């Protein structure tokens, strides 16, 4: 699955606030906010935010722990 970087922390459920990562992935260290997600491309270079990935995002933020498809940072 493609890797997407969240560009606007105020709207993590909005696909237009992500950019497709090309080349070297960003450094994601910490446990406070979403850094990157692994998700299917919705056909326009943005992530498809289905129930599964949204659930992982909520779990990651609530537990301050990376999930299989969600990486956090400070």
C-alpha atoms as a PDB file:
ATOM      1  CA  UNK A   1       0.000   0.000   0.000  1.00  0.00           C
ATOM      2  CA  UNK A   2       1.189   3.538  -0.639  1.00  0.00           C
ATOM      3  CA  UNK A   3       2.489   5.678   2.207  1.00  0.00           C
ATOM      4  CA  UNK A   4       0.819   9.044   2.856  1.00  0.00           C
ATOM      5  CA  UNK A   5       2.032  11.887   5.088  1.00  0.00           C
ATOM      6  CA  UNK A   6      -0.513  13.918   7.029  1.00  0.00           C
ATOM      7  CA  UNK A   7       0.055  17.602   6.201  1.00  0.00           C
ATOM      8  CA  UNK A   8      -2.643  19.171   8.419  1.00  0.00           C
ATOM      9  CA  UNK A   9      -2.989  17.768  11.947  1.00  0.00           C
ATOM     10  CA  UNK A  10      -6.357  19.469  12.417  1.00  0.00           C
ATOM     11  CA  UNK A  11      -8.026  17.284   9.754  1.00  0.00           C
ATOM     12  CA  UNK A  12      -6.700  13.692   9.917  1.00  0.00           C
ATOM     13  CA  UNK A  13      -9.973  12.288   8.509  1.00  0.00           C
ATOM     14  CA  UNK A  14      -9.810  14.456   5.367  1.00  0.00           C
ATOM     15  CA  UNK A  15      -8.030  12.685   2.471  1.00  0.00           C
ATOM     16  CA  UNK A  16      -7.116  16.018   0.841  1.00  0.00           C
ATOM     17  CA  UNK A  17      -4.861  16.819   3.814  1.00  0.00           C
ATOM     18  CA  UNK A  18      -2.428  14.007   2.948  1.00  0.00           C
ATOM     19  CA  UNK A  19       0.371  13.852   0.409  1.00  0.00           C
ATOM     20  CA  UNK A  20       1.760  10.737  -1.240  1.00  0.00           C
ATOM     21  CA  UNK A  21       5.270   9.957  -0.010  1.00  0.00           C
ATOM     22  CA  UNK A  22       7.771   9.440  -2.801  1.00  0.00           C
ATOM     23  CA  UNK A  23      11.383   8.687  -2.103  1.00  0.00           C
ATOM     24  CA  UNK A  24      12.623   8.555   1.475  1.00  0.00           C
ATOM     25  CA  UNK A  25       9.819   8.333   4.052  1.00  0.00           C
ATOM     26  CA  UNK A  26       9.698  11.129   6.633  1.00  0.00           C
ATOM     27  CA  UNK A  27      11.189  10.513  10.051  1.00  0.00           C
ATOM     28  CA  UNK A  28       8.366   9.662  12.428  1.00  0.00           C
ATOM     29  CA  UNK A  29       9.342   9.498  16.067  1.00  0.00           C
ATOM     30  CA  UNK A  30       7.103  10.043  19.031  1.00  0.00           C
ATOM     31  CA  UNK A  31       3.558   9.225  19.965  1.00  0.00           C
ATOM     32  CA  UNK A  32       1.439  12.375  19.926  1.00  0.00           C
ATOM     33  CA  UNK A  33       0.046  12.990  16.430  1.00  0.00           C
ATOM     34  CA  UNK A  34      -0.309  11.129  13.133  1.00  0.00           C
ATOM     35  CA  UNK A  35       2.751  11.248  10.901  1.00  0.00           C
ATOM     36  CA  UNK A  36       2.065   8.740   8.124  1.00  0.00           C
ATOM     37  CA  UNK A  37      -0.481   6.110   7.151  1.00  0.00           C
ATOM     38  CA  UNK A  38      -0.340   3.119   4.818  1.00  0.00           C
ATOM     39  CA  UNK A  39      -3.575   3.171   2.843  1.00  0.00           C
ATOM     40  CA  UNK A  40      -4.962   2.421  -0.583  1.00  0.00           C
ATOM     41  CA  UNK A  41      -4.869   5.273  -3.091  1.00  0.00           C
ATOM     42  CA  UNK A  42      -8.371   6.624  -3.777  1.00  0.00           C
ATOM     43  CA  UNK A  43      -7.450   7.184  -7.425  1.00  0.00           C
ATOM     44  CA  UNK A  44      -6.406  10.815  -7.074  1.00  0.00           C
ATOM     45  CA  UNK A  45      -3.162  10.458  -5.130  1.00  0.00           C
ATOM     46  CA  UNK A  46      -4.948  10.660  -1.782  1.00  0.00           C
ATOM     47  CA  UNK A  47      -5.591   7.918   0.774  1.00  0.00           C
ATOM     48  CA  UNK A  48      -8.802   5.960   0.900  1.00  0.00           C
ATOM     49  CA  UNK A  49      -9.865   6.475   4.512  1.00  0.00           C
ATOM     50  CA  UNK A  50     -12.068   3.466   5.153  1.00  0.00           C
ATOM     51  CA  UNK A  51     -13.405   2.264   8.508  1.00  0.00           C
ATOM     52  CA  UNK A  52     -10.362   0.039   9.111  1.00  0.00           C
ATOM     53  CA  UNK A  53      -7.761   2.806   8.732  1.00  0.00           C
ATOM     54  CA  UNK A  54      -9.890   5.326  10.641  1.00  0.00           C
ATOM     55  CA  UNK A  55     -10.190   2.810  13.486  1.00  0.00           C
ATOM     56  CA  UNK A  56      -6.408   2.319  13.532  1.00  0.00           C
ATOM     57  CA  UNK A  57      -5.947   6.093  13.625  1.00  0.00           C
ATOM     58  CA  UNK A  58      -8.243   6.400  16.659  1.00  0.00           C
ATOM     59  CA  UNK A  59      -6.523   3.500  18.421  1.00  0.00           C
ATOM     60  CA  UNK A  60      -3.067   4.959  17.735  1.00  0.00           C
ATOM     61  CA  UNK A  61      -4.038   8.360  19.107  1.00  0.00           C
ATOM     62  CA  UNK A  62      -5.873   6.951  22.137  1.00  0.00           C
ATOM     63  CA  UNK A  63      -3.050   4.581  23.110  1.00  0.00           C
ATOM     64  CA  UNK A  64      -0.107   6.714  21.926  1.00  0.00           C
ATOM     65  CA  UNK A  65       1.150   3.636  20.080  1.00  0.00           C
ATOM     66  CA  UNK A  66       1.911   3.040  16.407  1.00  0.00           C
ATOM     67  CA  UNK A  67      -0.507   0.680  14.698  1.00  0.00           C
ATOM     68  CA  UNK A  68       0.118  -1.606  11.692  1.00  0.00           C
ATOM     69  CA  UNK A  69      -0.848   1.145   9.193  1.00  0.00           C
ATOM     70  CA  UNK A  70      -0.464   4.302  11.319  1.00  0.00           C
ATOM     71  CA  UNK A  71       2.811   5.923  12.435  1.00  0.00           C
ATOM     72  CA  UNK A  72       2.861   8.662  15.053  1.00  0.00           C
ATOM     73  CA  UNK A  73       5.282  11.501  15.805  1.00  0.00           C
ATOM     74  CA  UNK A  74       5.699  14.241  18.436  1.00  0.00           C
END
